[in-house]
């Protein structure tokens, strides 16, 4: 759902004066599909993961719904899944424009003359960074779900390595995102006495890799023992204990850890022994994907309970 805020002005500033107000706030001119005479600007702040969707500012001519005498309408707009900061940028730009050029406010959601009420939780950079990883994991599982087929056993088999790659990527990217946004956790890396290669030193000096990425390369996140060692060492989370929960997918009730291990073994047979499971039908694939979703949800629950760390962005924004 979109959220809109309007400022209706009885004076029309020049483009130069308009941009002198909004550019210092971080807005950029954007090409957008609009009517003749309209202008559009976009705000997105990637530093510290402030933005999730960003927000827009449209400058348009008045129409019949605007008060008589209106010369220009400033329309700030954001889409669903916006961050606290995205919504606040909508308020901030309208506030700055009103201070400079005057005008009347209109919040169509509340049908009143006011700024937007911002009740979106203000998530930490770490929560957003890890939340993006979680969203990408869920989207990849959805893509896999779309390609499985009741009668295409070969397609189902070759989808298994992709599923494991999704889970491996989730574990690794989540680990990296958590380390990069927690300086206190990074201190544990500096306390290590192990050696690093000159190639790794060069990558760090050239900013080709972060410290967290270099450290993550020391582990195989396709191997649960290795991934668990990384998480226990730096994040104090036991992946085996986290996954050792019984969950139901459809009519099937199994321990999530056992299903993940089964998938890992099946992936190994397919990749390294050219094994084809002739009974890998759509029903089994749906169960496998369902349990990987359950694994992701167990991460959400564990981090929320033990660390008060919110991962499921869609629940909060």
Protein backbone atom coordinates (compact mmCIF):
# COMPACT_ATOMS: atom_id res chain seq x y z
CA UNK A 1 0.00 0.00 0.00
CA UNK A 2 1.30 3.43 -0.90
CA UNK A 3 1.43 6.35 1.51
CA UNK A 4 1.02 9.88 0.14
CA UNK A 5 1.52 13.40 1.44
CA UNK A 6 0.66 16.56 -0.49
CA UNK A 7 1.74 20.17 -0.25
CA UNK A 8 -0.40 22.57 -2.30
CA UNK A 9 1.27 25.92 -2.94
CA UNK A 10 -0.15 29.17 -4.24
CA UNK A 11 3.25 30.18 -5.56
CA UNK A 12 5.26 28.20 -8.08
CA UNK A 13 9.03 28.23 -7.39
CA UNK A 14 11.54 27.86 -10.17
CA UNK A 15 13.24 24.50 -10.68
CA UNK A 16 16.47 26.04 -9.44
CA UNK A 17 14.87 27.20 -6.18
CA UNK A 18 13.09 23.87 -5.73
CA UNK A 19 16.25 21.82 -6.19
CA UNK A 20 18.21 24.14 -3.91
CA UNK A 21 15.85 22.98 -1.14
CA UNK A 22 15.64 19.25 -1.83
CA UNK A 23 19.10 18.32 -3.16
CA UNK A 24 20.84 19.00 0.20
CA UNK A 25 18.36 16.54 1.74
CA UNK A 26 19.66 13.76 -0.51
CA UNK A 27 17.06 13.82 -3.27
CA UNK A 28 18.04 13.02 -6.86
CA UNK A 29 16.29 13.90 -10.10
CA UNK A 30 14.79 10.82 -11.72
CA UNK A 31 13.33 10.05 -15.12
CA UNK A 32 9.85 8.74 -14.49
CA UNK A 33 6.68 8.18 -16.49
CA UNK A 34 4.71 11.36 -15.95
CA UNK A 35 2.65 13.98 -17.71
CA UNK A 36 4.15 16.94 -19.48
CA UNK A 37 5.26 19.59 -17.04
CA UNK A 38 5.70 17.17 -14.14
CA UNK A 39 9.03 16.48 -12.47
CA UNK A 40 10.07 13.57 -10.28
CA UNK A 41 12.77 13.04 -7.65
CA UNK A 42 13.86 10.00 -5.66
CA UNK A 43 15.35 9.57 -2.19
CA UNK A 44 17.23 6.43 -1.20
CA UNK A 45 19.86 6.30 1.51
CA UNK A 46 21.94 3.12 1.45
CA UNK A 47 24.33 4.20 4.21
CA UNK A 48 23.65 2.17 7.36
CA UNK A 49 20.81 0.47 5.49
CA UNK A 50 18.53 3.43 6.20
CA UNK A 51 16.27 2.84 3.20
CA UNK A 52 14.35 -0.24 2.22
CA UNK A 53 12.23 1.10 -0.64
CA UNK A 54 13.10 4.80 -0.68
CA UNK A 55 10.46 7.40 -1.56
CA UNK A 56 9.42 9.69 -4.41
CA UNK A 57 8.63 13.36 -4.80
CA UNK A 58 6.44 14.37 -7.73
CA UNK A 59 5.95 17.99 -8.75
CA UNK A 60 2.78 18.49 -10.79
CA UNK A 61 0.20 20.98 -11.93
CA UNK A 62 -2.98 21.29 -9.85
CA UNK A 63 -6.12 19.44 -10.88
CA UNK A 64 -9.81 19.83 -10.05
CA UNK A 65 -9.40 18.18 -6.63
CA UNK A 66 -6.89 20.78 -5.43
CA UNK A 67 -7.97 24.01 -3.69
CA UNK A 68 -8.68 27.03 -5.85
CA UNK A 69 -5.61 29.18 -6.38
CA UNK A 70 -3.14 26.29 -6.16
CA UNK A 71 -0.24 26.83 -8.58
CA UNK A 72 1.83 23.69 -7.90
CA UNK A 73 1.45 20.44 -5.97
CA UNK A 74 4.32 18.63 -4.27
CA UNK A 75 3.44 14.97 -3.80
CA UNK A 76 5.66 12.73 -1.66
CA UNK A 77 5.02 9.04 -2.07
CA UNK A 78 6.35 5.71 -0.80
CA UNK A 79 5.47 2.08 -1.43
CA UNK A 80 4.74 -0.76 0.96
CA UNK A 81 7.73 -2.22 2.85
CA UNK A 82 9.15 1.26 3.41
CA UNK A 83 11.49 1.82 6.34
CA UNK A 84 10.96 4.26 9.21
CA UNK A 85 13.56 6.49 7.58
CA UNK A 86 11.88 6.29 4.16
CA UNK A 87 8.62 7.56 5.61
CA UNK A 88 10.41 10.23 7.60
CA UNK A 89 12.07 11.47 4.39
CA UNK A 90 8.56 12.06 2.99
CA UNK A 91 7.75 14.29 5.93
CA UNK A 92 11.13 16.00 5.89
CA UNK A 93 11.02 17.08 2.25
CA UNK A 94 7.47 18.43 2.51
CA UNK A 95 8.38 20.21 5.74
CA UNK A 96 11.37 21.86 4.05
CA UNK A 97 9.33 22.87 0.99
CA UNK A 98 6.56 24.30 3.15
CA UNK A 99 9.05 26.32 5.18
CA UNK A 100 10.50 27.81 1.99
CA UNK A 101 7.40 28.25 -0.19
CA UNK A 102 4.40 27.98 2.15
CA UNK A 103 1.34 26.00 1.22
CA UNK A 104 -1.26 23.71 2.78
CA UNK A 105 -0.70 20.11 3.83
CA UNK A 106 -2.94 17.17 3.04
CA UNK A 107 -2.62 13.62 4.35
CA UNK A 108 -5.16 11.56 2.31
CA UNK A 109 -4.77 8.50 4.56
CA UNK A 110 -6.11 10.41 7.58
CA UNK A 111 -8.04 12.95 5.48
CA UNK A 112 -6.55 15.85 7.40
CA UNK A 113 -4.07 18.69 7.08
CA UNK A 114 -1.05 17.18 8.81
CA UNK A 115 2.27 15.47 8.34
CA UNK A 116 2.36 11.68 8.22
CA UNK A 117 2.19 9.76 11.46
CA UNK A 118 5.29 7.57 11.47
CA UNK A 119 4.64 4.48 13.57
CA UNK A 120 6.96 2.17 11.61
CA UNK A 121 9.47 0.53 13.98
CA UNK A 122 12.98 1.94 13.61
CA UNK A 123 15.07 -1.11 12.84
CA UNK A 124 18.82 -1.23 13.39
CA UNK A 125 21.24 -1.43 10.42
CA UNK A 126 21.96 -5.02 11.39
CA UNK A 127 18.30 -5.98 11.43
CA UNK A 128 17.80 -4.50 7.97
CA UNK A 129 20.98 -6.04 6.54
CA UNK A 130 20.10 -9.51 7.84
CA UNK A 131 16.45 -8.94 6.93
CA UNK A 132 17.41 -8.33 3.30
CA UNK A 133 19.30 -11.65 3.31
CA UNK A 134 16.24 -13.42 4.73
CA UNK A 135 13.92 -11.87 2.12
CA UNK A 136 16.26 -12.93 -0.69
CA UNK A 137 16.34 -16.48 0.70
CA UNK A 138 12.54 -16.69 0.75
CA UNK A 139 12.29 -15.27 -2.76
CA UNK A 140 14.77 -17.82 -4.09
CA UNK A 141 12.72 -20.62 -2.54
CA UNK A 142 9.64 -19.19 -4.27
CA UNK A 143 11.50 -19.26 -7.59
CA UNK A 144 12.38 -22.90 -7.01
CA UNK A 145 8.76 -23.68 -6.20
CA UNK A 146 7.69 -22.27 -9.56
CA UNK A 147 9.92 -24.62 -11.60
CA UNK A 148 9.29 -27.98 -9.92
CA UNK A 149 7.05 -30.30 -11.90
CA UNK A 150 5.03 -33.46 -11.23
CA UNK A 151 6.36 -35.24 -14.30
CA UNK A 152 9.83 -33.70 -14.75
CA UNK A 153 11.92 -35.87 -12.44
CA UNK A 154 15.18 -34.65 -13.97
CA UNK A 155 14.20 -31.02 -13.46
CA UNK A 156 13.34 -31.76 -9.85
CA UNK A 157 16.71 -33.44 -9.31
CA UNK A 158 18.73 -30.56 -10.72
CA UNK A 159 16.72 -28.18 -8.55
CA UNK A 160 18.13 -29.83 -5.41
CA UNK A 161 21.61 -28.27 -5.78
CA UNK A 162 19.93 -24.90 -6.27
CA UNK A 163 17.99 -25.35 -3.04
CA UNK A 164 21.18 -26.17 -1.15
CA UNK A 165 22.90 -23.18 -2.77
CA UNK A 166 20.02 -21.01 -1.52
CA UNK A 167 20.45 -22.32 2.03
CA UNK A 168 24.24 -22.04 1.89
CA UNK A 169 24.01 -18.48 0.59
CA UNK A 170 21.54 -17.60 3.33
CA UNK A 171 23.84 -18.92 6.08
CA UNK A 172 26.91 -17.18 4.64
CA UNK A 173 25.36 -13.83 3.72
CA UNK A 174 23.50 -13.66 7.04
CA UNK A 175 26.76 -14.34 8.87
CA UNK A 176 28.56 -11.61 6.89
CA UNK A 177 25.74 -9.09 7.37
CA UNK A 178 25.65 -9.72 11.12
CA UNK A 179 29.42 -9.32 11.51
CA UNK A 180 29.56 -6.18 9.37
CA UNK A 181 26.90 -4.45 11.43
CA UNK A 182 28.20 -5.49 14.87
CA UNK A 183 31.62 -3.95 15.63
CA UNK A 184 31.77 -5.79 18.95
CA UNK A 185 31.52 -9.12 17.09
CA UNK A 186 34.24 -8.03 14.64
CA UNK A 187 36.57 -7.63 17.62
CA UNK A 188 36.54 -11.41 17.94
CA UNK A 189 38.11 -11.61 14.48
CA UNK A 190 40.91 -9.27 15.54
CA UNK A 191 41.56 -11.46 18.57
CA UNK A 192 42.36 -14.46 16.36
CA UNK A 193 45.96 -15.57 15.99
CA UNK A 194 45.54 -17.39 12.66
CA UNK A 195 47.39 -16.23 9.55
CA UNK A 196 45.89 -14.60 6.46
CA UNK A 197 47.32 -14.68 2.95
CA UNK A 198 48.85 -11.72 1.13
CA UNK A 199 45.98 -12.00 -1.33
CA UNK A 200 43.52 -11.47 1.49
CA UNK A 201 45.53 -8.49 2.74
CA UNK A 202 45.43 -6.95 -0.73
CA UNK A 203 41.67 -7.53 -0.99
CA UNK A 204 41.17 -5.75 2.34
CA UNK A 205 43.46 -2.84 1.47
CA UNK A 206 41.77 -2.34 -1.90
CA UNK A 207 38.32 -2.61 -0.26
CA UNK A 208 37.51 -5.52 -2.54
CA UNK A 209 36.42 -7.50 0.51
CA UNK A 210 35.34 -6.63 4.01
CA UNK A 211 36.80 -8.21 7.13
CA UNK A 212 33.59 -10.19 7.55
CA UNK A 213 33.81 -11.55 4.00
CA UNK A 214 37.43 -12.62 4.49
CA UNK A 215 36.53 -14.39 7.73
CA UNK A 216 33.49 -16.05 6.14
CA UNK A 217 35.75 -17.55 3.48
CA UNK A 218 37.37 -19.64 6.22
CA UNK A 219 34.18 -21.67 6.57
CA UNK A 220 32.07 -23.88 4.32
CA UNK A 221 28.45 -22.94 4.84
CA UNK A 222 27.39 -25.97 2.83
CA UNK A 223 28.78 -28.05 5.66
CA UNK A 224 26.64 -27.77 8.80
CA UNK A 225 29.58 -28.57 11.11
CA UNK A 226 31.62 -25.74 9.61
CA UNK A 227 28.71 -23.29 9.51
CA UNK A 228 27.81 -24.14 13.09
CA UNK A 229 31.38 -23.48 14.22
CA UNK A 230 31.26 -20.02 12.61
CA UNK A 231 27.93 -19.12 14.20
CA UNK A 232 28.86 -20.43 17.64
CA UNK A 233 32.22 -18.66 17.59
CA UNK A 234 31.00 -15.23 16.55
CA UNK A 235 27.24 -15.00 17.09
CA UNK A 236 26.78 -17.47 19.95
CA UNK A 237 24.07 -19.33 18.03
CA UNK A 238 24.05 -23.13 17.74
CA UNK A 239 22.64 -23.99 14.31
CA UNK A 240 22.15 -27.64 15.25
CA UNK A 241 20.09 -26.71 18.28
CA UNK A 242 18.21 -24.09 16.24
CA UNK A 243 17.23 -26.61 13.57
CA UNK A 244 16.54 -29.44 16.01
CA UNK A 245 12.83 -28.65 16.11
CA UNK A 246 9.95 -30.75 14.80
CA UNK A 247 7.70 -28.93 12.35
CA UNK A 248 4.81 -29.90 10.09
CA UNK A 249 4.68 -29.32 6.34
CA UNK A 250 1.37 -30.49 4.95
CA UNK A 251 0.77 -33.93 6.45
CA UNK A 252 4.47 -34.51 7.12
CA UNK A 253 5.95 -34.00 10.58
CA UNK A 254 9.74 -34.14 10.81
CA UNK A 255 12.71 -32.57 12.60
CA UNK A 256 13.94 -29.70 10.40
CA UNK A 257 17.60 -30.59 10.93
CA UNK A 258 17.02 -34.11 9.60
CA UNK A 259 15.39 -32.84 6.43
CA UNK A 260 18.20 -30.34 5.82
CA UNK A 261 20.77 -33.11 6.29
CA UNK A 262 18.84 -35.33 3.88
CA UNK A 263 18.88 -32.56 1.29
CA UNK A 264 22.63 -32.07 1.74
CA UNK A 265 23.26 -35.77 1.17
CA UNK A 266 20.96 -35.89 -1.87
CA UNK A 267 22.70 -32.87 -3.35
CA UNK A 268 26.09 -34.60 -2.88
CA UNK A 269 24.86 -37.72 -4.70
CA UNK A 270 23.41 -35.71 -7.59
CA UNK A 271 26.49 -33.53 -8.07
CA UNK A 272 29.28 -36.00 -7.40
CA UNK A 273 27.77 -39.33 -8.47
CA UNK A 274 25.37 -38.22 -11.22
CA UNK A 275 22.60 -39.82 -9.19
CA UNK A 276 19.01 -39.37 -10.32
CA UNK A 277 16.26 -40.03 -7.80
CA UNK A 278 13.46 -41.51 -9.92
CA UNK A 279 10.90 -40.90 -7.16
CA UNK A 280 11.61 -37.21 -6.64
CA UNK A 281 8.16 -35.97 -7.56
CA UNK A 282 6.54 -32.59 -7.03
CA UNK A 283 5.07 -33.60 -3.68
CA UNK A 284 8.50 -34.38 -2.20
CA UNK A 285 9.96 -31.20 -3.66
CA UNK A 286 7.20 -29.15 -2.05
CA UNK A 287 7.99 -30.76 1.29
CA UNK A 288 11.71 -30.03 0.91
CA UNK A 289 11.06 -26.39 0.05
CA UNK A 290 8.59 -26.16 2.90
CA UNK A 291 11.17 -27.37 5.40
CA UNK A 292 13.77 -24.90 4.14
CA UNK A 293 11.19 -22.18 4.77
CA UNK A 294 10.75 -23.61 8.26
CA UNK A 295 14.52 -23.44 8.74
CA UNK A 296 14.44 -19.76 7.86
CA UNK A 297 11.57 -19.16 10.25
CA UNK A 298 13.51 -20.87 13.04
CA UNK A 299 16.29 -18.30 12.46
CA UNK A 300 13.70 -15.53 12.76
CA UNK A 301 12.33 -16.97 16.00
CA UNK A 302 15.73 -17.73 17.56
CA UNK A 303 17.24 -14.31 16.95
CA UNK A 304 14.10 -12.55 18.15
CA UNK A 305 13.90 -14.53 21.40
CA UNK A 306 17.60 -14.71 22.26
CA UNK A 307 18.90 -11.44 20.86
CA UNK A 308 15.80 -9.25 20.47
CA UNK A 309 16.90 -9.04 16.83
CA UNK A 310 14.14 -8.57 14.23
CA UNK A 311 14.80 -10.29 10.90
CA UNK A 312 11.42 -10.61 9.19
CA UNK A 313 11.23 -7.13 7.66
CA UNK A 314 7.81 -7.73 6.16
CA UNK A 315 6.38 -8.09 9.65
CA UNK A 316 7.66 -4.69 10.78
CA UNK A 317 7.50 -2.46 7.70
